[in-house]
């Protein structure tokens, strides 16, 4: 009987060792299967080592593109040139006295903006009619009236602009018109003066001029001052206490220059 029990125990121990071996073999097989399901790394061990490294910064991963070449500098600005002549129409004047001779045509239109400068001066006294005999003040005669003063035009101080609002010259005493291209015109004779359409405007004028230089004013012989706004002398503020004082009154005007009609 004891021999039967010993045989059973030996048989049971063998079965336990068999189960442990089977379990170990199964775990090994499962491990191989798990490895088989992972994607293989291309390149072998070197690729696996590279994959384990941290990613490079973007600047190191790809070299930066070369910087864009700077654009060539623009050519320096040239002094403003006066626009070529022509293409102007003689305007209709509110008074025919402002019309220049028919032998000239309009060639250049400019716009002035600035001030009319006035000085306070004593009015010129009208000379009494002479009888040829000296007269002495009689008894009880009244003393001569006190001197009267008025604002008298001293000079214009203005800038000249073309139709595109480019500053092209200056207008000053004389009167003189001087352009940045070197040409200029100076008053030769006042031909006509007509009251402005604006109540506070300086009169419209027709002036015969003398021109010089090569440029926009070369060859011009007449100029009209038109469309005046502002610039009239102040109505008060000039008296003996202010003799010699000056004041500036803002104005703007159009200046239309004329030159001889081109020969056919």
C-alpha atoms as a PDB file:
ATOM      1  CA  UNK A   1       0.000   0.000   0.000  1.00  0.00           C
ATOM      2  CA  UNK A   2       2.826   2.327   0.853  1.00  0.00           C
ATOM      3  CA  UNK A   3       4.379   1.557  -2.466  1.00  0.00           C
ATOM      4  CA  UNK A   4       1.125   2.571  -4.211  1.00  0.00           C
ATOM      5  CA  UNK A   5       1.030   5.959  -2.383  1.00  0.00           C
ATOM      6  CA  UNK A   6       4.677   6.645  -3.251  1.00  0.00           C
ATOM      7  CA  UNK A   7       4.004   5.955  -6.898  1.00  0.00           C
ATOM      8  CA  UNK A   8       1.029   8.345  -6.849  1.00  0.00           C
ATOM      9  CA  UNK A   9       3.094  11.128  -5.248  1.00  0.00           C
ATOM     10  CA  UNK A  10       5.856  10.675  -7.799  1.00  0.00           C
ATOM     11  CA  UNK A  11       3.319  10.854 -10.618  1.00  0.00           C
ATOM     12  CA  UNK A  12       1.733  14.006  -9.178  1.00  0.00           C
ATOM     13  CA  UNK A  13       5.149  15.745  -8.884  1.00  0.00           C
ATOM     14  CA  UNK A  14       5.909  14.967 -12.488  1.00  0.00           C
ATOM     15  CA  UNK A  15       2.629  16.501 -13.603  1.00  0.00           C
ATOM     16  CA  UNK A  16       3.366  19.720 -11.633  1.00  0.00           C
ATOM     17  CA  UNK A  17       6.819  20.049 -13.236  1.00  0.00           C
ATOM     18  CA  UNK A  18       5.213  19.550 -16.658  1.00  0.00           C
ATOM     19  CA  UNK A  19       2.649  22.336 -16.012  1.00  0.00           C
ATOM     20  CA  UNK A  20       5.407  24.786 -14.919  1.00  0.00           C
ATOM     21  CA  UNK A  21       7.438  24.050 -18.053  1.00  0.00           C
ATOM     22  CA  UNK A  22       4.367  24.460 -20.230  1.00  0.00           C
ATOM     23  CA  UNK A  23       3.554  27.826 -18.601  1.00  0.00           C
ATOM     24  CA  UNK A  24       7.126  29.079 -19.124  1.00  0.00           C
ATOM     25  CA  UNK A  25       7.092  27.997 -22.743  1.00  0.00           C
ATOM     26  CA  UNK A  26       3.727  29.742 -23.279  1.00  0.00           C
ATOM     27  CA  UNK A  27       5.010  33.021 -21.830  1.00  0.00           C
ATOM     28  CA  UNK A  28       8.038  32.866 -24.147  1.00  0.00           C
ATOM     29  CA  UNK A  29       5.803  32.252 -27.163  1.00  0.00           C
ATOM     30  CA  UNK A  30       3.512  35.162 -26.206  1.00  0.00           C
ATOM     31  CA  UNK A  31       6.555  37.475 -25.884  1.00  0.00           C
ATOM     32  CA  UNK A  32       7.725  36.573 -29.363  1.00  0.00           C
ATOM     33  CA  UNK A  33       4.250  37.259 -30.750  1.00  0.00           C
ATOM     34  CA  UNK A  34       4.165  40.700 -29.152  1.00  0.00           C
ATOM     35  CA  UNK A  35       7.505  41.602 -30.704  1.00  0.00           C
ATOM     36  CA  UNK A  36       6.288  40.436 -34.085  1.00  0.00           C
ATOM     37  CA  UNK A  37       3.306  42.867 -33.942  1.00  0.00           C
ATOM     38  CA  UNK A  38       5.598  46.001 -33.488  1.00  0.00           C
ATOM     39  CA  UNK A  39       6.738  47.790 -36.722  1.00  0.00           C
ATOM     40  CA  UNK A  40      10.313  47.035 -37.571  1.00  0.00           C
ATOM     41  CA  UNK A  41      12.784  49.931 -37.524  1.00  0.00           C
ATOM     42  CA  UNK A  42      14.507  50.499 -40.840  1.00  0.00           C
ATOM     43  CA  UNK A  43      18.257  50.604 -40.761  1.00  0.00           C
ATOM     44  CA  UNK A  44      18.884  48.162 -37.970  1.00  0.00           C
ATOM     45  CA  UNK A  45      20.493  49.085 -34.646  1.00  0.00           C
ATOM     46  CA  UNK A  46      21.790  52.422 -35.932  1.00  0.00           C
ATOM     47  CA  UNK A  47      18.258  53.514 -36.834  1.00  0.00           C
ATOM     48  CA  UNK A  48      16.977  52.450 -33.463  1.00  0.00           C
ATOM     49  CA  UNK A  49      19.690  54.501 -31.758  1.00  0.00           C
ATOM     50  CA  UNK A  50      18.845  57.545 -33.880  1.00  0.00           C
ATOM     51  CA  UNK A  51      15.152  57.208 -33.052  1.00  0.00           C
ATOM     52  CA  UNK A  52      15.993  57.268 -29.372  1.00  0.00           C
ATOM     53  CA  UNK A  53      17.751  60.650 -29.677  1.00  0.00           C
ATOM     54  CA  UNK A  54      15.739  63.841 -28.863  1.00  0.00           C
ATOM     55  CA  UNK A  55      14.564  65.847 -31.944  1.00  0.00           C
ATOM     56  CA  UNK A  56      16.856  68.589 -33.189  1.00  0.00           C
ATOM     57  CA  UNK A  57      15.750  72.244 -32.933  1.00  0.00           C
ATOM     58  CA  UNK A  58      14.071  73.614 -36.041  1.00  0.00           C
ATOM     59  CA  UNK A  59      16.999  75.913 -36.803  1.00  0.00           C
ATOM     60  CA  UNK A  60      19.417  72.959 -36.736  1.00  0.00           C
ATOM     61  CA  UNK A  61      17.101  70.547 -38.533  1.00  0.00           C
ATOM     62  CA  UNK A  62      16.876  72.744 -41.669  1.00  0.00           C
ATOM     63  CA  UNK A  63      19.248  75.575 -42.598  1.00  0.00           C
ATOM     64  CA  UNK A  64      17.545  78.985 -42.827  1.00  0.00           C
ATOM     65  CA  UNK A  65      16.830  80.346 -46.275  1.00  0.00           C
ATOM     66  CA  UNK A  66      19.223  83.076 -47.398  1.00  0.00           C
ATOM     67  CA  UNK A  67      18.071  86.609 -46.511  1.00  0.00           C
ATOM     68  CA  UNK A  68      16.340  88.566 -49.273  1.00  0.00           C
ATOM     69  CA  UNK A  69      18.670  90.978 -51.001  1.00  0.00           C
ATOM     70  CA  UNK A  70      17.809  94.633 -50.189  1.00  0.00           C
ATOM     71  CA  UNK A  71      16.177  96.593 -52.977  1.00  0.00           C
ATOM     72  CA  UNK A  72      18.298  99.099 -54.829  1.00  0.00           C
ATOM     73  CA  UNK A  73      17.911 102.634 -53.445  1.00  0.00           C
ATOM     74  CA  UNK A  74      15.643 104.971 -55.382  1.00  0.00           C
ATOM     75  CA  UNK A  75      17.335 107.721 -57.374  1.00  0.00           C
ATOM     76  CA  UNK A  76      17.545 111.063 -55.559  1.00  0.00           C
ATOM     77  CA  UNK A  77      14.606 113.410 -56.032  1.00  0.00           C
ATOM     78  CA  UNK A  78      15.118 116.043 -58.678  1.00  0.00           C
ATOM     79  CA  UNK A  79      14.166 119.710 -58.230  1.00  0.00           C
ATOM     80  CA  UNK A  80      10.605 120.263 -59.313  1.00  0.00           C
ATOM     81  CA  UNK A  81      10.320 121.259 -62.954  1.00  0.00           C
ATOM     82  CA  UNK A  82       7.649 123.663 -64.123  1.00  0.00           C
ATOM     83  CA  UNK A  83       5.083 121.980 -66.359  1.00  0.00           C
ATOM     84  CA  UNK A  84       5.381 122.663 -70.101  1.00  0.00           C
ATOM     85  CA  UNK A  85       3.358 125.527 -71.485  1.00  0.00           C
ATOM     86  CA  UNK A  86       0.159 125.334 -73.426  1.00  0.00           C
ATOM     87  CA  UNK A  87      -3.331 123.970 -73.083  1.00  0.00           C
ATOM     88  CA  UNK A  88      -4.724 127.056 -71.314  1.00  0.00           C
ATOM     89  CA  UNK A  89      -7.763 129.063 -72.362  1.00  0.00           C
ATOM     90  CA  UNK A  90      -8.054 132.814 -71.965  1.00  0.00           C
ATOM     91  CA  UNK A  91     -10.700 133.391 -69.261  1.00  0.00           C
ATOM     92  CA  UNK A  92     -13.613 135.795 -69.606  1.00  0.00           C
ATOM     93  CA  UNK A  93     -13.029 138.833 -67.386  1.00  0.00           C
ATOM     94  CA  UNK A  94     -15.735 140.643 -65.404  1.00  0.00           C
ATOM     95  CA  UNK A  95     -14.234 143.873 -66.769  1.00  0.00           C
ATOM     96  CA  UNK A  96     -12.685 144.210 -70.227  1.00  0.00           C
ATOM     97  CA  UNK A  97      -9.978 146.428 -68.752  1.00  0.00           C
ATOM     98  CA  UNK A  98      -8.373 143.247 -67.400  1.00  0.00           C
ATOM     99  CA  UNK A  99      -7.974 141.711 -70.871  1.00  0.00           C
ATOM    100  CA  UNK A 100      -4.372 141.637 -72.149  1.00  0.00           C
ATOM    101  CA  UNK A 101      -3.668 142.376 -75.820  1.00  0.00           C
ATOM    102  CA  UNK A 102      -4.928 139.902 -78.400  1.00  0.00           C
ATOM    103  CA  UNK A 103      -1.338 139.225 -79.449  1.00  0.00           C
ATOM    104  CA  UNK A 104      -0.602 137.210 -76.281  1.00  0.00           C
ATOM    105  CA  UNK A 105      -1.899 133.851 -75.068  1.00  0.00           C
ATOM    106  CA  UNK A 106      -2.000 132.275 -71.576  1.00  0.00           C
ATOM    107  CA  UNK A 107       0.966 129.955 -70.981  1.00  0.00           C
ATOM    108  CA  UNK A 108       1.234 129.336 -67.217  1.00  0.00           C
ATOM    109  CA  UNK A 109      -1.197 129.371 -64.289  1.00  0.00           C
ATOM    110  CA  UNK A 110       0.058 129.500 -60.699  1.00  0.00           C
ATOM    111  CA  UNK A 111      -1.625 129.887 -57.325  1.00  0.00           C
ATOM    112  CA  UNK A 112      -0.334 132.254 -54.662  1.00  0.00           C
ATOM    113  CA  UNK A 113      -0.929 131.888 -50.947  1.00  0.00           C
ATOM    114  CA  UNK A 114       0.569 134.090 -48.249  1.00  0.00           C
ATOM    115  CA  UNK A 115       0.056 137.616 -46.936  1.00  0.00           C
ATOM    116  CA  UNK A 116      -0.271 141.184 -48.129  1.00  0.00           C
ATOM    117  CA  UNK A 117       1.948 143.280 -45.853  1.00  0.00           C
ATOM    118  CA  UNK A 118       0.849 146.817 -45.018  1.00  0.00           C
ATOM    119  CA  UNK A 119       2.589 149.724 -43.295  1.00  0.00           C
ATOM    120  CA  UNK A 120       0.829 152.543 -41.453  1.00  0.00           C
ATOM    121  CA  UNK A 121       1.678 155.820 -43.191  1.00  0.00           C
ATOM    122  CA  UNK A 122       0.417 159.348 -43.323  1.00  0.00           C
ATOM    123  CA  UNK A 123      -1.915 160.039 -46.222  1.00  0.00           C
ATOM    124  CA  UNK A 124      -0.531 162.215 -48.949  1.00  0.00           C
ATOM    125  CA  UNK A 125      -2.184 165.606 -48.622  1.00  0.00           C
ATOM    126  CA  UNK A 126      -3.850 166.999 -51.708  1.00  0.00           C
ATOM    127  CA  UNK A 127      -2.071 170.115 -52.922  1.00  0.00           C
ATOM    128  CA  UNK A 128      -4.387 173.188 -52.782  1.00  0.00           C
ATOM    129  CA  UNK A 129      -5.057 175.060 -56.011  1.00  0.00           C
ATOM    130  CA  UNK A 130      -2.523 177.824 -56.402  1.00  0.00           C
ATOM    131  CA  UNK A 131      -3.680 181.400 -57.125  1.00  0.00           C
ATOM    132  CA  UNK A 132      -0.171 182.686 -57.547  1.00  0.00           C
ATOM    133  CA  UNK A 133      -0.402 184.836 -54.436  1.00  0.00           C
ATOM    134  CA  UNK A 134       0.691 183.899 -50.972  1.00  0.00           C
ATOM    135  CA  UNK A 135      -2.052 184.038 -48.387  1.00  0.00           C
ATOM    136  CA  UNK A 136      -1.628 184.347 -44.666  1.00  0.00           C
ATOM    137  CA  UNK A 137      -4.033 182.848 -42.189  1.00  0.00           C
ATOM    138  CA  UNK A 138      -6.652 185.409 -41.286  1.00  0.00           C
ATOM    139  CA  UNK A 139      -7.751 186.201 -37.788  1.00  0.00           C
ATOM    140  CA  UNK A 140     -10.024 183.531 -36.383  1.00  0.00           C
ATOM    141  CA  UNK A 141      -9.073 180.982 -39.027  1.00  0.00           C
ATOM    142  CA  UNK A 142      -9.134 177.358 -37.915  1.00  0.00           C
ATOM    143  CA  UNK A 143      -5.837 175.443 -37.519  1.00  0.00           C
ATOM    144  CA  UNK A 144      -4.906 172.905 -40.208  1.00  0.00           C
ATOM    145  CA  UNK A 145      -6.528 169.504 -39.695  1.00  0.00           C
ATOM    146  CA  UNK A 146      -4.536 166.778 -38.030  1.00  0.00           C
ATOM    147  CA  UNK A 147      -2.679 164.485 -40.391  1.00  0.00           C
ATOM    148  CA  UNK A 148      -4.616 161.402 -41.486  1.00  0.00           C
ATOM    149  CA  UNK A 149      -3.030 157.934 -41.637  1.00  0.00           C
ATOM    150  CA  UNK A 150      -3.848 154.822 -43.631  1.00  0.00           C
ATOM    151  CA  UNK A 151      -2.583 151.304 -44.250  1.00  0.00           C
ATOM    152  CA  UNK A 152      -0.442 151.348 -47.392  1.00  0.00           C
ATOM    153  CA  UNK A 153       0.646 148.207 -49.227  1.00  0.00           C
ATOM    154  CA  UNK A 154       4.324 147.477 -48.642  1.00  0.00           C
ATOM    155  CA  UNK A 155       4.810 144.071 -50.310  1.00  0.00           C
ATOM    156  CA  UNK A 156       3.281 140.658 -50.918  1.00  0.00           C
ATOM    157  CA  UNK A 157       4.917 137.685 -49.190  1.00  0.00           C
ATOM    158  CA  UNK A 158       3.575 134.484 -50.721  1.00  0.00           C
ATOM    159  CA  UNK A 159       4.446 131.049 -52.045  1.00  0.00           C
ATOM    160  CA  UNK A 160       3.538 129.956 -55.548  1.00  0.00           C
ATOM    161  CA  UNK A 161       2.057 126.537 -56.334  1.00  0.00           C
ATOM    162  CA  UNK A 162       1.163 124.726 -59.543  1.00  0.00           C
ATOM    163  CA  UNK A 163      -2.041 122.834 -60.247  1.00  0.00           C
ATOM    164  CA  UNK A 164      -0.688 119.680 -58.544  1.00  0.00           C
ATOM    165  CA  UNK A 165       0.008 121.635 -55.332  1.00  0.00           C
ATOM    166  CA  UNK A 166       3.788 121.552 -55.795  1.00  0.00           C
ATOM    167  CA  UNK A 167       5.543 124.604 -54.402  1.00  0.00           C
ATOM    168  CA  UNK A 168       7.342 126.118 -57.394  1.00  0.00           C
ATOM    169  CA  UNK A 169       8.356 129.636 -56.400  1.00  0.00           C
ATOM    170  CA  UNK A 170       7.751 132.813 -54.403  1.00  0.00           C
ATOM    171  CA  UNK A 171       5.964 136.143 -54.862  1.00  0.00           C
ATOM    172  CA  UNK A 172       7.566 139.184 -53.261  1.00  0.00           C
ATOM    173  CA  UNK A 173       8.136 142.936 -53.421  1.00  0.00           C
ATOM    174  CA  UNK A 174       8.286 144.576 -56.824  1.00  0.00           C
ATOM    175  CA  UNK A 175       6.015 142.796 -57.306  1.00  0.00           C
ATOM    176  CA  UNK A 176       8.238 139.921 -58.405  1.00  0.00           C
ATOM    177  CA  UNK A 177       7.445 136.317 -59.278  1.00  0.00           C
ATOM    178  CA  UNK A 178      10.455 134.011 -58.957  1.00  0.00           C
ATOM    179  CA  UNK A 179      10.356 130.292 -59.807  1.00  0.00           C
ATOM    180  CA  UNK A 180      12.583 127.461 -58.634  1.00  0.00           C
ATOM    181  CA  UNK A 181      13.702 126.804 -62.227  1.00  0.00           C
ATOM    182  CA  UNK A 182      15.546 130.157 -62.276  1.00  0.00           C
ATOM    183  CA  UNK A 183      13.064 132.194 -64.292  1.00  0.00           C
ATOM    184  CA  UNK A 184      11.389 135.316 -62.924  1.00  0.00           C
ATOM    185  CA  UNK A 185       9.131 138.237 -63.850  1.00  0.00           C
ATOM    186  CA  UNK A 186       8.994 141.794 -62.465  1.00  0.00           C
ATOM    187  CA  UNK A 187       6.291 144.422 -62.840  1.00  0.00           C
ATOM    188  CA  UNK A 188       6.869 146.859 -65.673  1.00  0.00           C
ATOM    189  CA  UNK A 189       3.546 148.738 -65.570  1.00  0.00           C
ATOM    190  CA  UNK A 190       0.178 148.421 -63.879  1.00  0.00           C
ATOM    191  CA  UNK A 191      -2.371 148.322 -66.696  1.00  0.00           C
ATOM    192  CA  UNK A 192      -5.677 147.871 -64.833  1.00  0.00           C
ATOM    193  CA  UNK A 193      -7.088 147.379 -61.340  1.00  0.00           C
ATOM    194  CA  UNK A 194     -10.671 146.200 -60.782  1.00  0.00           C
ATOM    195  CA  UNK A 195     -12.524 145.668 -57.540  1.00  0.00           C
ATOM    196  CA  UNK A 196     -12.512 142.030 -56.407  1.00  0.00           C
ATOM    197  CA  UNK A 197     -15.637 139.876 -56.442  1.00  0.00           C
ATOM    198  CA  UNK A 198     -14.999 138.992 -52.783  1.00  0.00           C
ATOM    199  CA  UNK A 199     -15.648 141.851 -50.364  1.00  0.00           C
ATOM    200  CA  UNK A 200     -12.392 141.255 -48.475  1.00  0.00           C
ATOM    201  CA  UNK A 201     -10.310 140.477 -51.570  1.00  0.00           C
ATOM    202  CA  UNK A 202      -7.513 142.592 -52.995  1.00  0.00           C
ATOM    203  CA  UNK A 203      -8.275 143.962 -56.475  1.00  0.00           C
ATOM    204  CA  UNK A 204      -7.935 141.946 -59.657  1.00  0.00           C
ATOM    205  CA  UNK A 205      -5.011 143.255 -61.704  1.00  0.00           C
ATOM    206  CA  UNK A 206      -3.530 143.269 -65.185  1.00  0.00           C
ATOM    207  CA  UNK A 207       0.216 143.959 -65.077  1.00  0.00           C
ATOM    208  CA  UNK A 208       2.723 144.287 -67.866  1.00  0.00           C
ATOM    209  CA  UNK A 209       5.901 142.428 -66.827  1.00  0.00           C
ATOM    210  CA  UNK A 210       9.513 141.898 -67.818  1.00  0.00           C
ATOM    211  CA  UNK A 211      10.750 138.316 -67.623  1.00  0.00           C
ATOM    212  CA  UNK A 212      14.209 136.774 -67.510  1.00  0.00           C
ATOM    213  CA  UNK A 213      15.902 133.399 -67.173  1.00  0.00           C
ATOM    214  CA  UNK A 214      15.151 130.060 -68.761  1.00  0.00           C
ATOM    215  CA  UNK A 215      12.081 128.298 -67.414  1.00  0.00           C
ATOM    216  CA  UNK A 216       8.370 128.654 -66.928  1.00  0.00           C
ATOM    217  CA  UNK A 217       8.319 132.454 -66.912  1.00  0.00           C
ATOM    218  CA  UNK A 218      10.736 132.953 -69.806  1.00  0.00           C
ATOM    219  CA  UNK A 219       9.199 135.177 -72.468  1.00  0.00           C
ATOM    220  CA  UNK A 220       6.108 136.149 -70.470  1.00  0.00           C
ATOM    221  CA  UNK A 221       4.910 139.735 -70.948  1.00  0.00           C
ATOM    222  CA  UNK A 222       1.661 140.029 -68.943  1.00  0.00           C
ATOM    223  CA  UNK A 223       0.150 138.584 -65.778  1.00  0.00           C
ATOM    224  CA  UNK A 224      -3.360 138.728 -64.375  1.00  0.00           C
ATOM    225  CA  UNK A 225      -4.126 138.495 -60.658  1.00  0.00           C
ATOM    226  CA  UNK A 226      -7.537 136.828 -60.393  1.00  0.00           C
ATOM    227  CA  UNK A 227      -9.883 135.048 -57.961  1.00  0.00           C
ATOM    228  CA  UNK A 228      -8.527 136.935 -54.954  1.00  0.00           C
ATOM    229  CA  UNK A 229      -9.704 136.017 -51.456  1.00  0.00           C
ATOM    230  CA  UNK A 230      -8.593 138.135 -48.491  1.00  0.00           C
ATOM    231  CA  UNK A 231      -5.652 140.491 -48.422  1.00  0.00           C
ATOM    232  CA  UNK A 232      -7.542 143.806 -48.198  1.00  0.00           C
ATOM    233  CA  UNK A 233      -6.135 146.476 -45.896  1.00  0.00           C
ATOM    234  CA  UNK A 234      -7.589 146.576 -42.361  1.00  0.00           C
ATOM    235  CA  UNK A 235     -10.302 149.221 -41.951  1.00  0.00           C
ATOM    236  CA  UNK A 236      -8.841 150.569 -38.681  1.00  0.00           C
ATOM    237  CA  UNK A 237      -5.822 150.524 -36.415  1.00  0.00           C
ATOM    238  CA  UNK A 238      -3.647 152.995 -38.302  1.00  0.00           C
ATOM    239  CA  UNK A 239      -3.140 156.437 -36.716  1.00  0.00           C
ATOM    240  CA  UNK A 240      -0.344 158.723 -35.581  1.00  0.00           C
ATOM    241  CA  UNK A 241       0.309 156.466 -32.601  1.00  0.00           C
ATOM    242  CA  UNK A 242       0.933 153.522 -34.960  1.00  0.00           C
ATOM    243  CA  UNK A 243       2.888 155.302 -37.670  1.00  0.00           C
ATOM    244  CA  UNK A 244       5.406 152.912 -39.207  1.00  0.00           C
ATOM    245  CA  UNK A 245       3.719 149.800 -37.823  1.00  0.00           C
ATOM    246  CA  UNK A 246       3.181 146.843 -40.158  1.00  0.00           C
ATOM    247  CA  UNK A 247       0.450 144.242 -40.346  1.00  0.00           C
ATOM    248  CA  UNK A 248      -0.011 141.083 -42.446  1.00  0.00           C
ATOM    249  CA  UNK A 249      -3.329 140.092 -44.007  1.00  0.00           C
ATOM    250  CA  UNK A 250      -3.673 136.552 -45.370  1.00  0.00           C
ATOM    251  CA  UNK A 251      -4.740 136.143 -48.989  1.00  0.00           C
ATOM    252  CA  UNK A 252      -4.752 133.777 -51.926  1.00  0.00           C
ATOM    253  CA  UNK A 253      -5.013 134.442 -55.646  1.00  0.00           C
ATOM    254  CA  UNK A 254      -4.592 132.970 -59.110  1.00  0.00           C
ATOM    255  CA  UNK A 255      -1.817 134.298 -61.358  1.00  0.00           C
ATOM    256  CA  UNK A 256      -2.185 133.745 -65.097  1.00  0.00           C
ATOM    257  CA  UNK A 257       0.883 134.550 -67.218  1.00  0.00           C
ATOM    258  CA  UNK A 258       0.806 135.440 -70.920  1.00  0.00           C
ATOM    259  CA  UNK A 259       3.425 135.261 -73.665  1.00  0.00           C
ATOM    260  CA  UNK A 260       3.369 136.324 -77.342  1.00  0.00           C
ATOM    261  CA  UNK A 261       1.302 134.125 -79.604  1.00  0.00           C
ATOM    262  CA  UNK A 262       3.529 131.587 -81.426  1.00  0.00           C
ATOM    263  CA  UNK A 263       4.058 132.376 -85.071  1.00  0.00           C
ATOM    264  CA  UNK A 264       2.379 129.993 -87.486  1.00  0.00           C
END
